[in-house]
């Protein structure tokens, strides 16, 4: 199984230090200098446009996980394995824009994905973080 972690595009030093392949999982591209090169894109993990622009009161996490269920574990595993294989089997860091340190654990789709993945596979997907001293 491919080693996975998550982070935000802006965490260049953490991403580079991790040695993991940076992978875009957002509909939009970052419009700022990254400080590293993206190694791939997995659009299967990007929330749908309908979800991103959904109006009203709803639970983003529940709706996003339903999207992942429709895509299916096999398709997600295949897409992640393909990107890893293109980089000599290296692990991947899945990237989006949100600052989960400020916003909280399930504040974005990358952390919702991490919880869904754990439920499906038993594999923990950590958030890259600054080591505590």
Protein backbone atom coordinates (compact mmCIF):
# COMPACT_ATOMS: atom_id res chain seq x y z
CA UNK A 1 0.00 0.00 0.00
CA UNK A 2 1.26 3.48 -0.88
CA UNK A 3 2.47 5.64 2.02
CA UNK A 4 0.18 8.68 2.30
CA UNK A 5 0.14 11.97 4.18
CA UNK A 6 -1.75 15.23 3.72
CA UNK A 7 -0.78 18.89 3.82
CA UNK A 8 -1.54 22.30 2.37
CA UNK A 9 0.12 23.70 -0.72
CA UNK A 10 1.70 26.49 1.34
CA UNK A 11 3.71 24.12 3.59
CA UNK A 12 6.67 23.91 1.19
CA UNK A 13 9.34 23.20 3.81
CA UNK A 14 7.34 20.33 5.35
CA UNK A 15 6.52 18.88 1.95
CA UNK A 16 10.11 18.98 0.71
CA UNK A 17 11.47 17.60 4.01
CA UNK A 18 8.98 14.70 3.94
CA UNK A 19 10.46 13.25 0.75
CA UNK A 20 6.92 12.44 -0.39
CA UNK A 21 5.62 13.20 -3.88
CA UNK A 22 3.37 16.31 -3.79
CA UNK A 23 -0.03 15.53 -5.36
CA UNK A 24 -2.80 17.98 -6.19
CA UNK A 25 -6.29 16.87 -5.11
CA UNK A 26 -8.15 20.12 -5.82
CA UNK A 27 -10.21 21.29 -8.78
CA UNK A 28 -8.23 24.52 -8.96
CA UNK A 29 -4.51 24.98 -9.37
CA UNK A 30 -2.54 26.99 -6.84
CA UNK A 31 -2.03 30.52 -8.19
CA UNK A 32 1.12 31.18 -6.23
CA UNK A 33 4.69 29.92 -6.32
CA UNK A 34 4.91 26.55 -4.58
CA UNK A 35 8.62 26.09 -3.89
CA UNK A 36 8.43 22.49 -5.14
CA UNK A 37 7.13 20.67 -8.20
CA UNK A 38 3.84 18.80 -8.19
CA UNK A 39 4.35 15.13 -9.00
CA UNK A 40 0.79 14.40 -10.03
CA UNK A 41 -2.91 15.12 -9.74
CA UNK A 42 -5.65 12.80 -8.51
CA UNK A 43 -8.92 14.43 -9.51
CA UNK A 44 -10.91 11.51 -8.07
CA UNK A 45 -10.19 13.02 -4.65
CA UNK A 46 -11.22 16.58 -5.51
CA UNK A 47 -14.69 17.52 -4.27
CA UNK A 48 -17.17 17.94 -7.10
CA UNK A 49 -18.08 21.43 -8.31
CA UNK A 50 -21.62 20.74 -7.09
CA UNK A 51 -20.32 20.11 -3.57
CA UNK A 52 -18.02 23.13 -3.57
CA UNK A 53 -20.83 25.47 -4.59
CA UNK A 54 -23.63 23.76 -2.65
CA UNK A 55 -25.93 26.20 -0.89
CA UNK A 56 -27.72 25.78 2.41
CA UNK A 57 -27.13 23.83 5.56
CA UNK A 58 -25.42 20.48 5.01
CA UNK A 59 -22.57 18.39 6.39
CA UNK A 60 -19.65 18.72 3.95
CA UNK A 61 -17.84 15.69 5.40
CA UNK A 62 -20.85 13.40 4.93
CA UNK A 63 -21.51 14.52 1.35
CA UNK A 64 -17.82 14.32 0.38
CA UNK A 65 -17.49 10.81 1.83
CA UNK A 66 -20.56 9.78 -0.17
CA UNK A 67 -18.72 11.03 -3.28
CA UNK A 68 -15.71 8.90 -2.32
CA UNK A 69 -17.98 5.89 -1.80
CA UNK A 70 -19.38 6.37 -5.33
CA UNK A 71 -15.85 6.55 -6.78
CA UNK A 72 -14.91 3.45 -4.82
CA UNK A 73 -11.86 2.21 -2.99
CA UNK A 74 -10.46 0.27 -5.96
CA UNK A 75 -10.47 3.33 -8.23
CA UNK A 76 -8.86 5.51 -5.54
CA UNK A 77 -6.20 2.88 -4.76
CA UNK A 78 -5.46 2.52 -8.47
CA UNK A 79 -5.05 6.26 -9.00
CA UNK A 80 -2.76 6.65 -5.99
CA UNK A 81 -0.72 3.59 -6.99
CA UNK A 82 -0.32 4.92 -10.53
CA UNK A 83 1.11 8.23 -9.29
CA UNK A 84 3.42 6.45 -6.84
CA UNK A 85 4.60 4.02 -9.52
CA UNK A 86 5.49 6.99 -11.73
CA UNK A 87 7.86 8.12 -8.96
CA UNK A 88 9.67 4.86 -8.18
CA UNK A 89 7.09 3.77 -5.60
CA UNK A 90 7.56 6.80 -3.35
CA UNK A 91 4.85 7.84 -0.91
CA UNK A 92 2.49 10.71 -1.64
CA UNK A 93 1.44 13.86 0.15
CA UNK A 94 -2.08 14.90 -0.87
CA UNK A 95 -2.49 18.66 -1.06
CA UNK A 96 -5.23 21.25 -0.82
CA UNK A 97 -5.46 24.88 0.31
CA UNK A 98 -6.94 24.79 3.83
CA UNK A 99 -5.00 25.43 7.04
CA UNK A 100 -6.34 22.64 9.28
CA UNK A 101 -4.26 23.87 12.23
CA UNK A 102 -6.39 27.04 12.28
CA UNK A 103 -9.68 25.55 11.05
CA UNK A 104 -9.77 22.16 12.78
CA UNK A 105 -9.49 18.49 11.87
CA UNK A 106 -12.37 17.95 9.43
CA UNK A 107 -12.28 21.46 8.00
CA UNK A 108 -11.25 20.32 4.54
CA UNK A 109 -11.60 17.45 2.14
CA UNK A 110 -8.03 16.18 2.53
CA UNK A 111 -8.66 15.33 6.18
CA UNK A 112 -12.12 13.95 5.37
CA UNK A 113 -10.36 11.74 2.82
CA UNK A 114 -7.81 10.67 5.45
CA UNK A 115 -10.60 9.51 7.77
CA UNK A 116 -12.47 7.76 4.94
CA UNK A 117 -9.24 6.02 3.84
CA UNK A 118 -8.58 4.83 7.39
CA UNK A 119 -12.11 3.43 7.63
CA UNK A 120 -11.68 1.63 4.31
CA UNK A 121 -8.11 0.33 4.68
CA UNK A 122 -6.95 0.73 8.29
CA UNK A 123 -4.04 2.87 7.05
CA UNK A 124 -3.50 6.10 9.00
CA UNK A 125 -2.94 9.18 6.81
CA UNK A 126 -1.18 11.78 8.97
CA UNK A 127 -1.14 15.51 8.40
CA UNK A 128 2.42 16.78 7.92
CA UNK A 129 3.14 18.97 10.89
CA UNK A 130 5.96 20.91 12.47
CA UNK A 131 7.59 18.65 15.09
CA UNK A 132 6.78 19.62 18.68
CA UNK A 133 9.81 20.58 20.75
